[in-house]
Every structure is written in structure tokens, then in C-alpha cells.
Amino acid sequence: PEATLPAAGTPAQVIVARKSRLLDEEVLRSMLTATLQERCVKDRGELQLRLSRPWTGSTVPDEPLEIRIIDVPAAGLNSSFVVRFEIWAGRERVGQHQLALQAQIWAEVPVARSTAGRGLLLRDADVTTERRDLLAMREPLRAELLTDGSLELVETIRPGQPVLARSVRVRPVIRRGGVVEGVLQDGMLSISLKVEVLEDGLPGQTVRLRNPKTKREMLGKVQNEQTVLLVL
């Protein structure tokens, strides 16, 4: 109790420093992937990114960070593209960068297991789904359309070949070369005659027809698989 204690000293200088860390390539790629998935890819598939050149690292505050995309290709993501982005910590921008990236978008796409001929209904074709990169093909057909009974193939699909959107169409209800009932209405007057179909047609479409007796061509609006409403 009788001991004499020295007075507490004060430092000559006080330094307040912000805690920081190194933003490595793996974390940056993960942040970019999540941001571009939400902004550009959405529910089309799973985005995977690779940097075309090694990332040297960047010192950033040891705080929650956010990626803000400044510029991406106007036509959307492709296999190789350049992205400009900023890194934000709260309300403070802590970096701006431009990177060359390589991308893949993985999704389940329809693929033929055996040859499927032109004119076959898609739901009757031997088609399965496989995980493929959407950026390596042009407009593959959405897998949920495989059970659509109105779609038919417009080209032959070989085994292992993906089914593209351009490979199918809605099956016409009338076909070129067929004969249907042509109905001409004028007020209460209704006249019907057999006409030859000159082009495939869906309900509501206007198609070319021909009177097989007079060889005169005319137009008609498709009502169903048996009837066409003649247009004067």
C-alpha cells in the first residue's frame, strides 16, 4: 500500500489504421459470377467463369464488398468477353477494374439418343436431356418443351445432336397438297366448295388455296384441320 507508482505515460503519436485484406482471384471470381448470374444469365443456366489472365490481387478494406458492373457486351455474355466493374465497400468505391473473362453457361438441353426424322412429333422422338454449355450452341430448345404435343421436327436430328429451337415448329393443321372445305360467307349467304391447299397452315393463318376445277388461286383463313374461311 505504501508503494509509489509511476504516472501513466501517453504515447507520442497515435495512428488509426483501417483493417485491410488482399482480394484474391478465387473470391473475385466468385463475386463476379454471382453478380453476372443475377444480372445477365438469370435462370437460363449455371454460369461458370475463368479469368483469361492471372489476377495479381488487390488490397481492399476488410469489410463486406459489392461488385457493380459498368459495362458488358451489348449482345450478352459469350464464350470470351471483357467486363468493366467497380468494387464498393458500403458507400465508398475502393477499386475499378477491367478483366477479360471466359464463360460457360451450363443447363439441361434436349439431345437425340437415336435418329429422329423430319415430321416426327417431338414428344414421340427418342430424346433425352444432357448438361451442355449453352454458349457453345445456338438457341437450344428449352427442355420443358419436350412434352409439348403440338411440336414437330422440321429437320432430321442425328444421335448425340442437340435439338435446337429452329429444329421444331408447331405442327400445321392443314398441309400443302391436301383438300379442305372452303367456306365463303356474305351476310346470311354461305357457300362451300372443295379447295386444294397450296401451303401449310395453322389456325388463324391466311394461306393460299386453289379451286381444283377452275385452277383459280385464292386466299383463306384457317379455321381448323377441315375448314378454311375464304377471303374475297
Protein backbone atom coordinates (compact mmCIF):
# COMPACT_ATOMS: atom_id res chain seq x y z
CA PRO A 1 0.00 0.00 0.00
CA GLU A 2 2.84 2.40 0.69
CA ALA A 3 4.47 1.71 -2.67
CA THR A 4 4.83 4.68 -5.05
CA LEU A 5 3.62 4.01 -8.59
CA PRO A 6 4.92 5.88 -11.61
CA ALA A 7 2.47 8.11 -13.52
CA ALA A 8 0.87 6.50 -16.60
CA GLY A 9 2.65 7.58 -19.76
CA THR A 10 0.96 8.75 -23.00
CA PRO A 11 2.20 7.78 -26.45
CA ALA A 12 3.90 10.43 -28.52
CA GLN A 13 1.73 9.51 -31.57
CA VAL A 14 -1.49 7.58 -32.17
CA ILE A 15 -2.15 6.00 -35.58
CA VAL A 16 -5.65 4.81 -36.54
CA ALA A 17 -5.46 2.37 -39.46
CA ARG A 18 -8.28 0.71 -41.44
CA LYS A 19 -8.07 -3.04 -41.39
CA SER A 20 -7.49 -4.37 -44.93
CA ARG A 21 -7.05 -7.65 -46.75
CA LEU A 22 -5.95 -8.95 -50.14
CA LEU A 23 -8.76 -9.72 -52.56
CA ASP A 24 -7.58 -12.96 -54.19
CA GLU A 25 -8.65 -14.44 -57.54
CA GLU A 26 -10.99 -17.08 -56.13
CA VAL A 27 -13.03 -14.57 -54.12
CA LEU A 28 -13.13 -12.08 -57.00
CA ARG A 29 -14.28 -14.75 -59.47
CA SER A 30 -17.00 -15.87 -57.06
CA MET A 31 -18.25 -12.30 -56.67
CA LEU A 32 -18.24 -11.66 -60.42
CA THR A 33 -20.04 -14.95 -61.09
CA ALA A 34 -22.82 -14.16 -58.62
CA THR A 35 -23.28 -10.62 -59.98
CA LEU A 36 -23.34 -11.63 -63.67
CA GLN A 37 -25.59 -14.61 -62.92
CA GLU A 38 -28.18 -12.29 -61.41
CA ARG A 39 -27.82 -9.52 -63.99
CA CYS A 40 -27.26 -11.36 -67.29
CA VAL A 41 -27.88 -15.10 -67.03
CA LYS A 42 -30.78 -15.26 -64.57
CA ASP A 43 -32.48 -18.68 -64.77
CA ARG A 44 -31.05 -19.75 -68.15
CA GLY A 45 -28.43 -21.95 -66.51
CA GLU A 46 -25.43 -22.03 -64.21
CA LEU A 47 -22.69 -19.53 -65.04
CA GLN A 48 -19.03 -20.51 -64.69
CA LEU A 49 -16.21 -18.00 -65.19
CA ARG A 50 -12.45 -18.19 -65.70
CA LEU A 51 -10.04 -15.27 -65.87
CA SER A 52 -8.12 -15.09 -69.14
CA ARG A 53 -5.08 -13.70 -67.28
CA PRO A 54 -3.88 -14.25 -63.71
CA TRP A 55 -5.23 -11.81 -61.13
CA THR A 56 -2.44 -10.12 -59.17
CA GLY A 57 -4.65 -9.30 -56.21
CA SER A 58 -5.91 -6.01 -54.85
CA THR A 59 -5.88 -4.58 -51.32
CA VAL A 60 -9.39 -3.80 -50.13
CA PRO A 61 -10.98 -2.95 -46.77
CA ASP A 62 -11.72 -5.97 -44.61
CA GLU A 63 -15.44 -5.25 -44.87
CA PRO A 64 -18.41 -6.57 -46.89
CA LEU A 65 -17.77 -5.80 -50.58
CA GLU A 66 -20.04 -5.35 -53.59
CA ILE A 67 -19.36 -5.71 -57.32
CA ARG A 68 -21.04 -3.16 -59.59
CA ILE A 69 -20.92 -3.91 -63.32
CA ILE A 70 -20.16 -0.88 -65.51
CA ASP A 71 -20.07 -2.48 -68.94
CA VAL A 72 -20.72 -5.89 -70.53
CA PRO A 73 -21.18 -6.85 -74.22
CA ALA A 74 -24.42 -5.37 -75.59
CA ALA A 75 -25.37 -8.73 -77.12
CA GLY A 76 -24.95 -10.51 -73.77
CA LEU A 77 -22.34 -12.91 -72.47
CA ASN A 78 -20.38 -15.10 -74.86
CA SER A 79 -17.52 -17.56 -74.54
CA SER A 80 -14.93 -14.77 -74.28
CA PHE A 81 -15.73 -11.20 -73.29
CA VAL A 82 -14.43 -8.17 -71.40
CA VAL A 83 -16.18 -6.75 -68.36
CA ARG A 84 -15.63 -3.43 -66.57
CA PHE A 85 -16.63 -3.25 -62.92
CA GLU A 86 -16.19 -1.37 -59.66
CA ILE A 87 -15.65 -2.68 -56.14
CA TRP A 88 -17.57 -0.91 -53.38
CA ALA A 89 -17.35 -1.10 -49.59
CA GLY A 90 -20.59 0.43 -48.42
CA ARG A 91 -20.77 3.92 -49.95
CA GLU A 92 -17.10 4.01 -50.86
CA ARG A 93 -15.66 2.90 -54.18
CA VAL A 94 -12.42 1.08 -53.47
CA GLY A 95 -11.45 -0.06 -56.96
CA GLN A 96 -12.24 -0.04 -60.67
CA HIS A 97 -11.04 -2.80 -62.99
CA GLN A 98 -11.37 -4.31 -66.46
CA LEU A 99 -10.93 -8.04 -66.98
CA ALA A 100 -11.02 -10.48 -69.89
CA LEU A 101 -13.14 -13.48 -68.95
CA GLN A 102 -14.06 -16.87 -70.39
CA ALA A 103 -17.59 -18.08 -69.67
CA GLN A 104 -19.75 -21.17 -69.81
CA ILE A 105 -23.48 -21.42 -69.06
CA TRP A 106 -24.45 -24.99 -68.14
CA ALA A 107 -28.02 -26.24 -68.48
CA GLU A 108 -30.00 -29.36 -69.35
CA VAL A 109 -30.73 -29.38 -73.11
CA PRO A 110 -32.60 -31.92 -75.29
CA VAL A 111 -30.28 -34.34 -77.12
CA ALA A 112 -31.30 -37.12 -79.54
CA ARG A 113 -30.38 -40.67 -78.49
CA SER A 114 -31.25 -42.09 -81.89
CA THR A 115 -32.07 -40.63 -85.30
CA ALA A 116 -35.30 -38.59 -85.27
CA GLY A 117 -36.74 -37.88 -88.71
CA ARG A 118 -38.33 -34.76 -90.09
CA GLY A 119 -42.08 -34.54 -89.42
CA LEU A 120 -41.95 -36.66 -86.25
CA LEU A 121 -43.72 -35.26 -83.20
CA LEU A 122 -41.12 -34.12 -80.70
CA ARG A 123 -42.77 -35.98 -77.81
CA ASP A 124 -42.51 -39.23 -79.82
CA ALA A 125 -38.80 -38.79 -80.63
CA ASP A 126 -36.08 -40.66 -78.72
CA VAL A 127 -34.75 -37.58 -76.95
CA THR A 128 -33.15 -37.20 -73.53
CA THR A 129 -31.54 -34.26 -71.73
CA GLU A 130 -27.84 -33.68 -71.14
CA ARG A 131 -25.90 -30.95 -69.35
CA ARG A 132 -24.34 -28.80 -72.09
CA ASP A 133 -22.75 -25.38 -72.41
CA LEU A 134 -25.35 -23.02 -73.90
CA LEU A 135 -22.67 -20.65 -75.18
CA ALA A 136 -21.24 -23.41 -77.39
CA MET A 137 -24.51 -23.77 -79.38
CA ARG A 138 -27.15 -21.58 -80.98
CA GLU A 139 -30.55 -21.41 -79.26
CA PRO A 140 -31.11 -24.93 -77.93
CA LEU A 141 -34.73 -25.89 -77.32
CA ARG A 142 -35.94 -25.49 -73.75
CA ALA A 143 -36.12 -28.89 -72.05
CA GLU A 144 -39.65 -28.30 -70.72
CA LEU A 145 -40.98 -28.28 -74.32
CA LEU A 146 -40.17 -31.97 -74.82
CA THR A 147 -43.69 -32.96 -73.76
CA ASP A 148 -45.44 -30.37 -75.95
CA GLY A 149 -47.65 -32.46 -78.24
CA SER A 150 -48.03 -29.66 -80.81
CA LEU A 151 -44.35 -29.55 -81.87
CA GLU A 152 -42.86 -31.49 -84.78
CA LEU A 153 -39.33 -31.75 -86.13
CA VAL A 154 -38.54 -29.79 -89.29
CA GLU A 155 -35.15 -31.45 -89.81
CA THR A 156 -33.53 -34.81 -89.09
CA ILE A 157 -31.70 -34.96 -85.75
CA ARG A 158 -28.74 -37.36 -85.52
CA PRO A 159 -27.74 -39.28 -82.35
CA GLY A 160 -25.90 -37.02 -79.89
CA GLN A 161 -27.07 -33.88 -81.67
CA PRO A 162 -28.90 -31.25 -79.56
CA VAL A 163 -32.41 -30.23 -80.57
CA LEU A 164 -32.35 -26.53 -81.41
CA ALA A 165 -35.25 -24.09 -81.35
CA ARG A 166 -35.04 -23.85 -85.13
CA SER A 167 -35.39 -27.66 -85.38
CA VAL A 168 -39.07 -27.66 -84.38
CA ARG A 169 -42.30 -25.91 -85.25
CA VAL A 170 -45.95 -26.12 -84.29
CA ARG A 171 -47.47 -28.90 -86.39
CA PRO A 172 -49.75 -27.41 -89.10
CA VAL A 173 -53.41 -28.42 -89.03
CA ILE A 174 -53.61 -28.29 -92.84
CA ARG A 175 -50.82 -29.30 -95.19
CA ARG A 176 -49.80 -28.47 -98.71
CA GLY A 177 -51.45 -30.78 -101.23
CA GLY A 178 -54.42 -31.57 -99.02
CA VAL A 179 -58.06 -30.85 -99.81
CA VAL A 180 -60.27 -28.98 -97.32
CA GLU A 181 -63.68 -27.34 -97.21
CA GLY A 182 -63.56 -23.71 -98.32
CA VAL A 183 -66.40 -21.61 -96.93
CA LEU A 184 -67.44 -18.28 -98.43
CA GLN A 185 -69.76 -16.15 -96.31
CA ASP A 186 -71.60 -13.00 -97.36
CA GLY A 187 -74.14 -11.94 -94.76
CA MET A 188 -76.62 -14.78 -94.38
CA LEU A 189 -75.36 -16.44 -97.54
CA SER A 190 -72.85 -19.25 -97.15
CA ILE A 191 -71.21 -21.20 -99.99
CA SER A 192 -68.79 -24.08 -99.58
CA LEU A 193 -66.53 -25.86 -102.05
CA LYS A 194 -63.57 -28.18 -102.01
CA VAL A 195 -60.22 -26.38 -102.37
CA GLU A 196 -56.64 -27.56 -102.66
CA VAL A 197 -54.17 -26.35 -100.03
CA LEU A 198 -51.03 -24.76 -101.51
CA GLU A 199 -49.12 -24.19 -98.24
CA ASP A 200 -49.10 -25.47 -94.68
CA GLY A 201 -51.17 -23.51 -92.19
CA LEU A 202 -52.05 -23.11 -88.52
CA PRO A 203 -55.40 -21.93 -87.11
CA GLY A 204 -55.75 -18.21 -87.74
CA GLN A 205 -53.16 -18.09 -90.54
CA THR A 206 -54.01 -16.96 -94.07
CA VAL A 207 -52.86 -19.46 -96.73
CA ARG A 208 -53.00 -19.82 -100.48
CA LEU A 209 -55.64 -22.14 -101.94
CA ARG A 210 -56.71 -23.28 -105.40
CA ASN A 211 -60.03 -24.29 -106.89
CA PRO A 212 -59.22 -27.70 -108.44
CA LYS A 213 -61.87 -27.20 -111.16
CA THR A 214 -61.14 -23.64 -112.34
CA LYS A 215 -57.44 -23.63 -111.22
CA ARG A 216 -58.06 -20.18 -109.78
CA GLU A 217 -55.96 -19.30 -106.72
CA MET A 218 -57.45 -17.61 -103.67
CA LEU A 219 -56.71 -16.89 -100.02
CA GLY A 220 -58.31 -18.43 -96.97
CA LYS A 221 -58.07 -18.13 -93.19
CA VAL A 222 -57.53 -21.49 -91.47
CA GLN A 223 -60.32 -22.38 -89.04
CA ASN A 224 -59.36 -25.99 -88.21
CA GLU A 225 -57.99 -29.11 -89.91
CA GLN A 226 -61.02 -29.38 -92.20
CA THR A 227 -62.27 -25.85 -92.82
CA VAL A 228 -60.89 -22.66 -94.35
CA LEU A 229 -62.77 -19.35 -94.48
CA LEU A 230 -62.33 -17.92 -97.98
CA VAL A 231 -61.22 -14.30 -98.29
CA LEU A 232 -62.76 -12.19 -101.04
